[in-house]
Amino acid sequence: MANIREQDTWVHMEEPEKAMEKAKDVVRMEVARASMLEPLTPKTVPVEKAALVIGAGIAGIQASLETCRCGNKDVFSGEGAVHRRQYVPSDKTFPTLDCSQCILTPKNGRR
């Protein structure tokens, strides 16, 4: 990639002829560099189907439950929460303005 605008045009705004010569040199150098490049060797790495869910709020608990429901392993992390059922509720939650316990209690039964 030859960055003509950043390294040439804006630097030599007052001297357009000098900018044109420099642009030609930059393109020539990039073409020469590209001709010496070799393709990368593909690499295969094992992937573990797992997720780290950070946050003990309703969104974090929902994300953790959905991760488990999809058959993935999850690691649940939340401030003061060792397990998703130890959530300390806040006052109201968006969009229904229900109390958080009203939302979380039904979810605690399913895994």
PDB file of N, CA and C in Angstrom:
ATOM      1  N   MET A   1       0.846  -1.169   0.000  1.00  0.00           N
ATOM      2  CA  MET A   1       0.000   0.000   0.000  1.00  0.00           C
ATOM      3  C   MET A   1       0.892   1.234   0.000  1.00  0.00           C
ATOM      4  N   ALA A   2       0.699   2.070  -0.940  1.00  0.00           N
ATOM      5  CA  ALA A   2       1.446   3.316  -1.035  1.00  0.00           C
ATOM      6  C   ALA A   2       0.531   4.443  -0.562  1.00  0.00           C
ATOM      7  N   ASN A   3       0.858   5.036   0.556  1.00  0.00           N
ATOM      8  CA  ASN A   3       0.028   6.091   1.137  1.00  0.00           C
ATOM      9  C   ASN A   3       0.476   7.442   0.586  1.00  0.00           C
ATOM     10  N   ILE A   4       0.008   7.768  -0.582  1.00  0.00           N
ATOM     11  CA  ILE A   4       0.417   9.001  -1.263  1.00  0.00           C
ATOM     12  C   ILE A   4      -0.158  10.228  -0.552  1.00  0.00           C
ATOM     13  N   ARG A   5      -1.387  10.164  -0.132  1.00  0.00           N
ATOM     14  CA  ARG A   5      -2.032  11.332   0.464  1.00  0.00           C
ATOM     15  C   ARG A   5      -1.332  11.765   1.749  1.00  0.00           C
ATOM     16  N   GLU A   6      -1.142  10.816   2.684  1.00  0.00           N
ATOM     17  CA  GLU A   6      -0.559  11.161   3.982  1.00  0.00           C
ATOM     18  C   GLU A   6       0.930  11.487   3.890  1.00  0.00           C
ATOM     19  N   GLN A   7       1.675  10.744   3.076  1.00  0.00           N
ATOM     20  CA  GLN A   7       3.132  10.876   3.068  1.00  0.00           C
ATOM     21  C   GLN A   7       3.658  11.761   1.946  1.00  0.00           C
ATOM     22  N   ASP A   8       2.781  12.237   1.090  1.00  0.00           N
ATOM     23  CA  ASP A   8       3.274  13.011  -0.049  1.00  0.00           C
ATOM     24  C   ASP A   8       2.422  14.249  -0.312  1.00  0.00           C
ATOM     25  N   THR A   9       1.166  14.062  -0.653  1.00  0.00           N
ATOM     26  CA  THR A   9       0.326  15.177  -1.070  1.00  0.00           C
ATOM     27  C   THR A   9       0.205  16.250   0.001  1.00  0.00           C
ATOM     28  N   TRP A  10      -0.087  15.873   1.225  1.00  0.00           N
ATOM     29  CA  TRP A  10      -0.269  16.865   2.280  1.00  0.00           C
ATOM     30  C   TRP A  10       1.051  17.479   2.712  1.00  0.00           C
ATOM     31  N   VAL A  11       2.138  16.748   2.563  1.00  0.00           N
ATOM     32  CA  VAL A  11       3.455  17.265   2.956  1.00  0.00           C
ATOM     33  C   VAL A  11       3.951  18.292   1.942  1.00  0.00           C
ATOM     34  N   HIS A  12       3.701  18.059   0.664  1.00  0.00           N
ATOM     35  CA  HIS A  12       4.231  18.909  -0.410  1.00  0.00           C
ATOM     36  C   HIS A  12       3.118  19.674  -1.124  1.00  0.00           C
ATOM     37  N   MET A  13       2.212  20.251  -0.382  1.00  0.00           N
ATOM     38  CA  MET A  13       1.089  20.990  -0.992  1.00  0.00           C
ATOM     39  C   MET A  13       1.565  22.194  -1.811  1.00  0.00           C
ATOM     40  N   GLU A  14       2.632  22.815  -1.387  1.00  0.00           N
ATOM     41  CA  GLU A  14       3.129  24.014  -2.051  1.00  0.00           C
ATOM     42  C   GLU A  14       3.980  23.702  -3.284  1.00  0.00           C
ATOM     43  N   GLU A  15       4.419  22.449  -3.434  1.00  0.00           N
ATOM     44  CA  GLU A  15       5.308  22.071  -4.535  1.00  0.00           C
ATOM     45  C   GLU A  15       4.735  20.871  -5.278  1.00  0.00           C
ATOM     46  N   PRO A  16       3.757  21.082  -6.155  1.00  0.00           N
ATOM     47  CA  PRO A  16       3.100  19.953  -6.823  1.00  0.00           C
ATOM     48  C   PRO A  16       4.024  19.115  -7.711  1.00  0.00           C
ATOM     49  N   GLU A  17       5.030  19.734  -8.344  1.00  0.00           N
ATOM     50  CA  GLU A  17       5.947  18.957  -9.186  1.00  0.00           C
ATOM     51  C   GLU A  17       6.780  18.001  -8.327  1.00  0.00           C
ATOM     52  N   LYS A  18       7.265  18.506  -7.205  1.00  0.00           N
ATOM     53  CA  LYS A  18       8.042  17.673  -6.281  1.00  0.00           C
ATOM     54  C   LYS A  18       7.163  16.555  -5.722  1.00  0.00           C
ATOM     55  N   ALA A  19       5.904  16.867  -5.439  1.00  0.00           N
ATOM     56  CA  ALA A  19       4.964  15.862  -4.927  1.00  0.00           C
ATOM     57  C   ALA A  19       4.744  14.753  -5.947  1.00  0.00           C
ATOM     58  N   MET A  20       4.631  15.123  -7.225  1.00  0.00           N
ATOM     59  CA  MET A  20       4.418  14.118  -8.277  1.00  0.00           C
ATOM     60  C   MET A  20       5.619  13.186  -8.399  1.00  0.00           C
ATOM     61  N   GLU A  21       6.827  13.724  -8.352  1.00  0.00           N
ATOM     62  CA  GLU A  21       8.024  12.891  -8.437  1.00  0.00           C
ATOM     63  C   GLU A  21       8.127  11.959  -7.232  1.00  0.00           C
ATOM     64  N   LYS A  22       7.817  12.485  -6.064  1.00  0.00           N
ATOM     65  CA  LYS A  22       7.858  11.654  -4.858  1.00  0.00           C
ATOM     66  C   LYS A  22       6.796  10.556  -4.933  1.00  0.00           C
ATOM     67  N   ALA A  23       5.601  10.884  -5.431  1.00  0.00           N
ATOM     68  CA  ALA A  23       4.524   9.888  -5.562  1.00  0.00           C
ATOM     69  C   ALA A  23       4.962   8.752  -6.491  1.00  0.00           C
ATOM     70  N   LYS A  24       5.621   9.101  -7.594  1.00  0.00           N
ATOM     71  CA  LYS A  24       6.111   8.076  -8.522  1.00  0.00           C
ATOM     72  C   LYS A  24       7.131   7.175  -7.829  1.00  0.00           C
ATOM     73  N   ASP A  25       8.034   7.792  -7.037  1.00  0.00           N
ATOM     74  CA  ASP A  25       9.036   7.006  -6.309  1.00  0.00           C
ATOM     75  C   ASP A  25       8.387   6.084  -5.278  1.00  0.00           C
ATOM     76  N   VAL A  26       7.409   6.589  -4.552  1.00  0.00           N
ATOM     77  CA  VAL A  26       6.738   5.790  -3.518  1.00  0.00           C
ATOM     78  C   VAL A  26       6.031   4.594  -4.156  1.00  0.00           C
ATOM     79  N   VAL A  27       5.340   4.826  -5.265  1.00  0.00           N
ATOM     80  CA  VAL A  27       4.640   3.738  -5.955  1.00  0.00           C
ATOM     81  C   VAL A  27       5.650   2.729  -6.492  1.00  0.00           C
ATOM     82  N   ARG A  28       6.741   3.211  -7.072  1.00  0.00           N
ATOM     83  CA  ARG A  28       7.785   2.321  -7.601  1.00  0.00           C
ATOM     84  C   ARG A  28       8.356   1.437  -6.483  1.00  0.00           C
ATOM     85  N   MET A  29       8.621   2.047  -5.312  1.00  0.00           N
ATOM     86  CA  MET A  29       9.158   1.278  -4.180  1.00  0.00           C
ATOM     87  C   MET A  29       8.161   0.244  -3.675  1.00  0.00           C
ATOM     88  N   GLU A  30       6.898   0.602  -3.621  1.00  0.00           N
ATOM     89  CA  GLU A  30       5.884  -0.344  -3.141  1.00  0.00           C
ATOM     90  C   GLU A  30       5.680  -1.501  -4.111  1.00  0.00           C
ATOM     91  N   VAL A  31       5.747  -1.233  -5.398  1.00  0.00           N
ATOM     92  CA  VAL A  31       5.635  -2.305  -6.394  1.00  0.00           C
ATOM     93  C   VAL A  31       6.824  -3.251  -6.271  1.00  0.00           C
ATOM     94  N   ALA A  32       8.037  -2.695  -6.079  1.00  0.00           N
ATOM     95  CA  ALA A  32       9.229  -3.538  -5.909  1.00  0.00           C
ATOM     96  C   ALA A  32       9.115  -4.383  -4.649  1.00  0.00           C
ATOM     97  N   ARG A  33       8.636  -3.780  -3.566  1.00  0.00           N
ATOM     98  CA  ARG A  33       8.469  -4.530  -2.317  1.00  0.00           C
ATOM     99  C   ARG A  33       7.433  -5.638  -2.493  1.00  0.00           C
ATOM    100  N   ALA A  34       6.333  -5.338  -3.159  1.00  0.00           N
ATOM    101  CA  ALA A  34       5.271  -6.333  -3.348  1.00  0.00           C
ATOM    102  C   ALA A  34       5.751  -7.504  -4.217  1.00  0.00           C
ATOM    103  N   SER A  35       6.652  -7.223  -5.139  1.00  0.00           N
ATOM    104  CA  SER A  35       7.137  -8.315  -6.004  1.00  0.00           C
ATOM    105  C   SER A  35       7.995  -9.313  -5.235  1.00  0.00           C
ATOM    106  N   MET A  36       8.511  -8.931  -4.080  1.00  0.00           N
ATOM    107  CA  MET A  36       9.350  -9.839  -3.281  1.00  0.00           C
ATOM    108  C   MET A  36       8.565 -10.549  -2.174  1.00  0.00           C
ATOM    109  N   LEU A  37       7.308 -10.246  -2.022  1.00  0.00           N
ATOM    110  CA  LEU A  37       6.517 -10.870  -0.963  1.00  0.00           C
ATOM    111  C   LEU A  37       6.236 -12.329  -1.286  1.00  0.00           C
ATOM    112  N   GLU A  38       6.153 -13.138  -0.249  1.00  0.00           N
ATOM    113  CA  GLU A  38       5.811 -14.553  -0.412  1.00  0.00           C
ATOM    114  C   GLU A  38       4.499 -14.814   0.307  1.00  0.00           C
ATOM    115  N   PRO A  39       3.698 -15.748  -0.207  1.00  0.00           N
ATOM    116  CA  PRO A  39       2.417 -16.022   0.455  1.00  0.00           C
ATOM    117  C   PRO A  39       2.624 -16.618   1.848  1.00  0.00           C
ATOM    118  N   LEU A  40       1.713 -16.308   2.737  1.00  0.00           N
ATOM    119  CA  LEU A  40       1.767 -16.861   4.084  1.00  0.00           C
ATOM    120  C   LEU A  40       1.361 -18.323   4.068  1.00  0.00           C
ATOM    121  N   THR A  41       1.908 -19.081   4.971  1.00  0.00           N
ATOM    122  CA  THR A  41       1.543 -20.478   5.109  1.00  0.00           C
ATOM    123  C   THR A  41       0.297 -20.556   5.991  1.00  0.00           C
ATOM    124  N   PRO A  42      -0.764 -21.204   5.503  1.00  0.00           N
ATOM    125  CA  PRO A  42      -1.965 -21.319   6.344  1.00  0.00           C
ATOM    126  C   PRO A  42      -1.662 -22.095   7.622  1.00  0.00           C
ATOM    127  N   LYS A  43      -2.259 -21.664   8.711  1.00  0.00           N
ATOM    128  CA  LYS A  43      -2.040 -22.316   9.993  1.00  0.00           C
ATOM    129  C   LYS A  43      -3.398 -22.680  10.582  1.00  0.00           C
ATOM    130  N   THR A  44      -3.509 -23.897  11.064  1.00  0.00           N
ATOM    131  CA  THR A  44      -4.743 -24.359  11.680  1.00  0.00           C
ATOM    132  C   THR A  44      -4.542 -24.438  13.185  1.00  0.00           C
ATOM    133  N   VAL A  45      -5.473 -23.841  13.912  1.00  0.00           N
ATOM    134  CA  VAL A  45      -5.404 -23.884  15.376  1.00  0.00           C
ATOM    135  C   VAL A  45      -6.723 -24.412  15.918  1.00  0.00           C
ATOM    136  N   PRO A  46      -6.675 -25.183  17.009  1.00  0.00           N
ATOM    137  CA  PRO A  46      -7.923 -25.686  17.581  1.00  0.00           C
ATOM    138  C   PRO A  46      -8.705 -24.549  18.242  1.00  0.00           C
ATOM    139  N   VAL A  47     -10.020 -24.639  18.161  1.00  0.00           N
ATOM    140  CA  VAL A  47     -10.894 -23.631  18.738  1.00  0.00           C
ATOM    141  C   VAL A  47     -11.760 -24.302  19.793  1.00  0.00           C
ATOM    142  N   GLU A  48     -11.768 -23.726  20.970  1.00  0.00           N
ATOM    143  CA  GLU A  48     -12.622 -24.235  22.035  1.00  0.00           C
ATOM    144  C   GLU A  48     -13.894 -23.407  22.067  1.00  0.00           C
ATOM    145  N   LYS A  49     -15.046 -24.070  22.038  1.00  0.00           N
ATOM    146  CA  LYS A  49     -16.316 -23.363  22.060  1.00  0.00           C
ATOM    147  C   LYS A  49     -16.629 -22.967  23.493  1.00  0.00           C
ATOM    148  N   ALA A  50     -16.165 -21.777  23.868  1.00  0.00           N
ATOM    149  CA  ALA A  50     -16.362 -21.276  25.222  1.00  0.00           C
ATOM    150  C   ALA A  50     -16.477 -19.764  25.161  1.00  0.00           C
ATOM    151  N   ALA A  51     -17.069 -19.192  26.206  1.00  0.00           N
ATOM    152  CA  ALA A  51     -17.227 -17.744  26.269  1.00  0.00           C
ATOM    153  C   ALA A  51     -16.992 -17.275  27.691  1.00  0.00           C
ATOM    154  N   LEU A  52     -16.415 -16.102  27.816  1.00  0.00           N
ATOM    155  CA  LEU A  52     -16.275 -15.456  29.107  1.00  0.00           C
ATOM    156  C   LEU A  52     -17.325 -14.370  29.167  1.00  0.00           C
ATOM    157  N   VAL A  53     -18.239 -14.478  30.118  1.00  0.00           N
ATOM    158  CA  VAL A  53     -19.282 -13.478  30.309  1.00  0.00           C
ATOM    159  C   VAL A  53     -18.886 -12.649  31.519  1.00  0.00           C
ATOM    160  N   ILE A  54     -18.706 -11.357  31.306  1.00  0.00           N
ATOM    161  CA  ILE A  54     -18.316 -10.470  32.388  1.00  0.00           C
ATOM    162  C   ILE A  54     -19.515  -9.610  32.748  1.00  0.00           C
ATOM    163  N   GLY A  55     -19.911  -9.664  34.007  1.00  0.00           N
ATOM    164  CA  GLY A  55     -21.025  -8.853  34.490  1.00  0.00           C
ATOM    165  C   GLY A  55     -22.096  -9.729  35.095  1.00  0.00           C
ATOM    166  N   ALA A  56     -22.549  -9.318  36.283  1.00  0.00           N
ATOM    167  CA  ALA A  56     -23.559 -10.097  36.987  1.00  0.00           C
ATOM    168  C   ALA A  56     -24.933  -9.476  36.855  1.00  0.00           C
ATOM    169  N   GLY A  57     -25.086  -8.543  35.925  1.00  0.00           N
ATOM    170  CA  GLY A  57     -26.392  -7.931  35.700  1.00  0.00           C
ATOM    171  C   GLY A  57     -27.291  -8.840  34.899  1.00  0.00           C
ATOM    172  N   ILE A  58     -28.450  -8.336  34.584  1.00  0.00           N
ATOM    173  CA  ILE A  58     -29.431  -9.135  33.843  1.00  0.00           C
ATOM    174  C   ILE A  58     -28.895  -9.511  32.469  1.00  0.00           C
ATOM    175  N   ALA A  59     -28.223  -8.586  31.795  1.00  0.00           N
ATOM    176  CA  ALA A  59     -27.668  -8.887  30.472  1.00  0.00           C
ATOM    177  C   ALA A  59     -26.592  -9.966  30.573  1.00  0.00           C
ATOM    178  N   GLY A  60     -25.739  -9.879  31.603  1.00  0.00           N
ATOM    179  CA  GLY A  60     -24.704 -10.888  31.777  1.00  0.00           C
ATOM    180  C   GLY A  60     -25.276 -12.255  32.077  1.00  0.00           C
ATOM    181  N   ILE A  61     -26.298 -12.282  32.927  1.00  0.00           N
ATOM    182  CA  ILE A  61     -26.940 -13.560  33.262  1.00  0.00           C
ATOM    183  C   ILE A  61     -27.613 -14.150  32.028  1.00  0.00           C
ATOM    184  N   GLN A  62     -28.302 -13.309  31.249  1.00  0.00           N
ATOM    185  CA  GLN A  62     -28.957 -13.789  30.025  1.00  0.00           C
ATOM    186  C   GLN A  62     -27.918 -14.306  29.036  1.00  0.00           C
ATOM    187  N   ALA A  63     -26.813 -13.592  28.882  1.00  0.00           N
ATOM    188  CA  ALA A  63     -25.761 -14.028  27.960  1.00  0.00           C
ATOM    189  C   ALA A  63     -25.180 -15.366  28.405  1.00  0.00           C
ATOM    190  N   SER A  64     -24.982 -15.525  29.698  1.00  0.00           N
ATOM    191  CA  SER A  64     -24.443 -16.776  30.220  1.00  0.00           C
ATOM    192  C   SER A  64     -25.410 -17.935  29.981  1.00  0.00           C
ATOM    193  N   LEU A  65     -26.688 -17.700  30.226  1.00  0.00           N
ATOM    194  CA  LEU A  65     -27.687 -18.753  30.011  1.00  0.00           C
ATOM    195  C   LEU A  65     -27.775 -19.142  28.531  1.00  0.00           C
ATOM    196  N   GLU A  66     -27.740 -18.149  27.648  1.00  0.00           N
ATOM    197  CA  GLU A  66     -27.817 -18.439  26.213  1.00  0.00           C
ATOM    198  C   GLU A  66     -26.565 -19.165  25.729  1.00  0.00           C
ATOM    199  N   THR A  67     -25.423 -18.811  26.275  1.00  0.00           N
ATOM    200  CA  THR A  67     -24.183 -19.500  25.917  1.00  0.00           C
ATOM    201  C   THR A  67     -24.270 -20.975  26.281  1.00  0.00           C
ATOM    202  N   CYS A  68     -24.768 -21.250  27.492  1.00  0.00           N
ATOM    203  CA  CYS A  68     -24.921 -22.649  27.921  1.00  0.00           C
ATOM    204  C   CYS A  68     -25.980 -23.367  27.091  1.00  0.00           C
ATOM    205  N   ARG A  69     -27.051 -22.683  26.768  1.00  0.00           N
ATOM    206  CA  ARG A  69     -28.142 -23.281  25.991  1.00  0.00           C
ATOM    207  C   ARG A  69     -27.655 -23.717  24.617  1.00  0.00           C
ATOM    208  N   CYS A  70     -26.704 -22.994  24.057  1.00  0.00           N
ATOM    209  CA  CYS A  70     -26.166 -23.328  22.737  1.00  0.00           C
ATOM    210  C   CYS A  70     -25.133 -24.446  22.796  1.00  0.00           C
ATOM    211  N   GLY A  71     -24.870 -24.957  23.993  1.00  0.00           N
ATOM    212  CA  GLY A  71     -23.933 -26.062  24.126  1.00  0.00           C
ATOM    213  C   GLY A  71     -22.490 -25.637  24.322  1.00  0.00           C
ATOM    214  N   ASN A  72     -22.274 -24.375  24.546  1.00  0.00           N
ATOM    215  CA  ASN A  72     -20.912 -23.892  24.763  1.00  0.00           C
ATOM    216  C   ASN A  72     -20.613 -23.834  26.246  1.00  0.00           C
ATOM    217  N   LYS A  73     -19.339 -23.954  26.571  1.00  0.00           N
ATOM    218  CA  LYS A  73     -18.901 -23.820  27.946  1.00  0.00           C
ATOM    219  C   LYS A  73     -18.811 -22.324  28.245  1.00  0.00           C
ATOM    220  N   ASP A  74     -19.272 -21.909  29.430  1.00  0.00           N
ATOM    221  CA  ASP A  74     -19.128 -20.501  29.765  1.00  0.00           C
ATOM    222  C   ASP A  74     -18.451 -20.339  31.110  1.00  0.00           C
ATOM    223  N   VAL A  75     -17.744 -19.244  31.238  1.00  0.00           N
ATOM    224  CA  VAL A  75     -17.133 -18.853  32.497  1.00  0.00           C
ATOM    225  C   VAL A  75     -17.808 -17.552  32.866  1.00  0.00           C
ATOM    226  N   PHE A  76     -18.476 -17.539  34.006  1.00  0.00           N
ATOM    227  CA  PHE A  76     -19.294 -16.394  34.404  1.00  0.00           C
ATOM    228  C   PHE A  76     -18.539 -15.589  35.440  1.00  0.00           C
ATOM    229  N   SER A  77     -18.379 -14.302  35.198  1.00  0.00           N
ATOM    230  CA  SER A  77     -17.657 -13.441  36.122  1.00  0.00           C
ATOM    231  C   SER A  77     -18.489 -12.202  36.394  1.00  0.00           C
ATOM    232  N   GLY A  78     -18.676 -11.903  37.650  1.00  0.00           N
ATOM    233  CA  GLY A  78     -19.420 -10.704  38.002  1.00  0.00           C
ATOM    234  C   GLY A  78     -18.978 -10.191  39.345  1.00  0.00           C
ATOM    235  N   GLU A  79     -19.144  -8.908  39.557  1.00  0.00           N
ATOM    236  CA  GLU A  79     -18.715  -8.296  40.807  1.00  0.00           C
ATOM    237  C   GLU A  79     -19.503  -8.868  41.971  1.00  0.00           C
ATOM    238  N   GLY A  80     -18.841  -9.604  42.830  1.00  0.00           N
ATOM    239  CA  GLY A  80     -19.485 -10.169  44.013  1.00  0.00           C
ATOM    240  C   GLY A  80     -20.344 -11.382  43.732  1.00  0.00           C
ATOM    241  N   ALA A  81     -20.437 -11.820  42.488  1.00  0.00           N
ATOM    242  CA  ALA A  81     -21.290 -12.961  42.161  1.00  0.00           C
ATOM    243  C   ALA A  81     -20.430 -14.179  41.875  1.00  0.00           C
ATOM    244  N   VAL A  82     -20.537 -15.196  42.712  1.00  0.00           N
ATOM    245  CA  VAL A  82     -19.804 -16.435  42.471  1.00  0.00           C
ATOM    246  C   VAL A  82     -20.573 -17.278  41.479  1.00  0.00           C
ATOM    247  N   HIS A  83     -21.880 -17.155  41.486  1.00  0.00           N
ATOM    248  CA  HIS A  83     -22.735 -17.940  40.611  1.00  0.00           C
ATOM    249  C   HIS A  83     -23.877 -17.049  40.142  1.00  0.00           C
ATOM    250  N   ARG A  84     -24.452 -17.348  38.996  1.00  0.00           N
ATOM    251  CA  ARG A  84     -25.479 -16.475  38.434  1.00  0.00           C
ATOM    252  C   ARG A  84     -26.716 -16.336  39.330  1.00  0.00           C
ATOM    253  N   ARG A  85     -26.945 -17.231  40.256  1.00  0.00           N
ATOM    254  CA  ARG A  85     -28.121 -17.123  41.115  1.00  0.00           C
ATOM    255  C   ARG A  85     -27.880 -16.227  42.330  1.00  0.00           C
ATOM    256  N   GLN A  86     -26.679 -15.736  42.493  1.00  0.00           N
ATOM    257  CA  GLN A  86     -26.385 -14.879  43.633  1.00  0.00           C
ATOM    258  C   GLN A  86     -26.421 -13.407  43.254  1.00  0.00           C
ATOM    259  N   TYR A  87     -27.208 -13.049  42.285  1.00  0.00           N
ATOM    260  CA  TYR A  87     -27.303 -11.680  41.802  1.00  0.00           C
ATOM    261  C   TYR A  87     -28.057 -10.815  42.811  1.00  0.00           C
ATOM    262  N   VAL A  88     -27.511  -9.643  43.080  1.00  0.00           N
ATOM    263  CA  VAL A  88     -28.183  -8.692  43.970  1.00  0.00           C
ATOM    264  C   VAL A  88     -28.964  -7.731  43.085  1.00  0.00           C
ATOM    265  N   PRO A  89     -30.291  -7.667  43.227  1.00  0.00           N
ATOM    266  CA  PRO A  89     -31.107  -6.885  42.291  1.00  0.00           C
ATOM    267  C   PRO A  89     -30.965  -5.379  42.461  1.00  0.00           C
ATOM    268  N   SER A  90     -31.179  -4.665  41.364  1.00  0.00           N
ATOM    269  CA  SER A  90     -31.288  -3.218  41.416  1.00  0.00           C
ATOM    270  C   SER A  90     -32.768  -2.858  41.394  1.00  0.00           C
ATOM    271  N   ASP A  91     -33.080  -1.600  41.286  1.00  0.00           N
ATOM    272  CA  ASP A  91     -34.462  -1.151  41.428  1.00  0.00           C
ATOM    273  C   ASP A  91     -35.342  -1.526  40.238  1.00  0.00           C
ATOM    274  N   LYS A  92     -35.146  -0.926  39.080  1.00  0.00           N
ATOM    275  CA  LYS A  92     -35.973  -1.177  37.893  1.00  0.00           C
ATOM    276  C   LYS A  92     -35.076  -1.484  36.701  1.00  0.00           C
ATOM    277  N   THR A  93     -35.607  -2.231  35.749  1.00  0.00           N
ATOM    278  CA  THR A  93     -34.827  -2.574  34.568  1.00  0.00           C
ATOM    279  C   THR A  93     -35.570  -2.171  33.307  1.00  0.00           C
ATOM    280  N   PHE A  94     -34.806  -1.777  32.315  1.00  0.00           N
ATOM    281  CA  PHE A  94     -35.347  -1.379  31.019  1.00  0.00           C
ATOM    282  C   PHE A  94     -35.600  -2.614  30.171  1.00  0.00           C
ATOM    283  N   PRO A  95     -36.586  -2.715  29.333  1.00  0.00           N
ATOM    284  CA  PRO A  95     -37.564  -1.719  28.940  1.00  0.00           C
ATOM    285  C   PRO A  95     -38.888  -1.836  29.685  1.00  0.00           C
ATOM    286  N   THR A  96     -39.071  -2.901  30.452  1.00  0.00           N
ATOM    287  CA  THR A  96     -40.382  -3.147  31.071  1.00  0.00           C
ATOM    288  C   THR A  96     -40.546  -2.451  32.413  1.00  0.00           C
ATOM    289  N   LEU A  97     -39.461  -1.949  32.974  1.00  0.00           N
ATOM    290  CA  LEU A  97     -39.441  -1.331  34.298  1.00  0.00           C
ATOM    291  C   LEU A  97     -39.890  -2.294  35.387  1.00  0.00           C
ATOM    292  N   ASP A  98     -39.707  -3.593  35.143  1.00  0.00           N
ATOM    293  CA  ASP A  98     -39.952  -4.602  36.172  1.00  0.00           C
ATOM    294  C   ASP A  98     -38.791  -4.590  37.149  1.00  0.00           C
ATOM    295  N   CYS A  99     -39.018  -5.148  38.327  1.00  0.00           N
ATOM    296  CA  CYS A  99     -37.888  -5.315  39.236  1.00  0.00           C
ATOM    297  C   CYS A  99     -37.015  -6.436  38.674  1.00  0.00           C
ATOM    298  N   SER A 100     -35.727  -6.364  38.953  1.00  0.00           N
ATOM    299  CA  SER A 100     -34.816  -7.343  38.370  1.00  0.00           C
ATOM    300  C   SER A 100     -35.122  -8.759  38.839  1.00  0.00           C
ATOM    301  N   GLN A 101     -35.593  -8.927  40.080  1.00  0.00           N
ATOM    302  CA  GLN A 101     -35.950 -10.265  40.563  1.00  0.00           C
ATOM    303  C   GLN A 101     -37.096 -10.851  39.739  1.00  0.00           C
ATOM    304  N   CYS A 102     -38.029 -10.008  39.277  1.00  0.00           N
ATOM    305  CA  CYS A 102     -39.145 -10.497  38.451  1.00  0.00           C
ATOM    306  C   CYS A 102     -38.632 -11.078  37.134  1.00  0.00           C
ATOM    307  N   ILE A 103     -37.526 -10.564  36.661  1.00  0.00           N
ATOM    308  CA  ILE A 103     -36.944 -11.052  35.417  1.00  0.00           C
ATOM    309  C   ILE A 103     -36.054 -12.266  35.680  1.00  0.00           C
ATOM    310  N   LEU A 104     -35.279 -12.221  36.784  1.00  0.00           N
ATOM    311  CA  LEU A 104     -34.287 -13.259  37.035  1.00  0.00           C
ATOM    312  C   LEU A 104     -34.847 -14.540  37.632  1.00  0.00           C
ATOM    313  N   THR A 105     -35.856 -14.443  38.467  1.00  0.00           N
ATOM    314  CA  THR A 105     -36.373 -15.633  39.146  1.00  0.00           C
ATOM    315  C   THR A 105     -36.798 -16.722  38.167  1.00  0.00           C
ATOM    316  N   PRO A 106     -37.566 -16.417  37.120  1.00  0.00           N
ATOM    317  CA  PRO A 106     -37.916 -17.474  36.156  1.00  0.00           C
ATOM    318  C   PRO A 106     -36.700 -18.089  35.460  1.00  0.00           C
ATOM    319  N   LYS A 107     -35.652 -17.304  35.284  1.00  0.00           N
ATOM    320  CA  LYS A 107     -34.461 -17.805  34.591  1.00  0.00           C
ATOM    321  C   LYS A 107     -33.637 -18.726  35.473  1.00  0.00           C
ATOM    322  N   ASN A 108     -33.714 -18.589  36.760  1.00  0.00           N
ATOM    323  CA  ASN A 108     -32.894 -19.397  37.679  1.00  0.00           C
ATOM    324  C   ASN A 108     -33.222 -20.876  37.592  1.00  0.00           C
ATOM    325  N   GLY A 109     -34.445 -21.208  37.210  1.00  0.00           N
ATOM    326  CA  GLY A 109     -34.846 -22.610  37.148  1.00  0.00           C
ATOM    327  C   GLY A 109     -34.273 -23.348  35.964  1.00  0.00           C
ATOM    328  N   ARG A 110     -33.980 -22.641  34.881  1.00  0.00           N
ATOM    329  CA  ARG A 110     -33.459 -23.324  33.684  1.00  0.00           C
ATOM    330  C   ARG A 110     -31.965 -23.174  33.591  1.00  0.00           C
ATOM    331  N   ARG A 111     -31.334 -24.096  32.958  1.00  0.00           N
ATOM    332  CA  ARG A 111     -29.874 -24.060  32.799  1.00  0.00           C
ATOM    333  C   ARG A 111     -29.539 -24.334  31.380  1.00  0.00           C
TER     334      ARG A 111
END
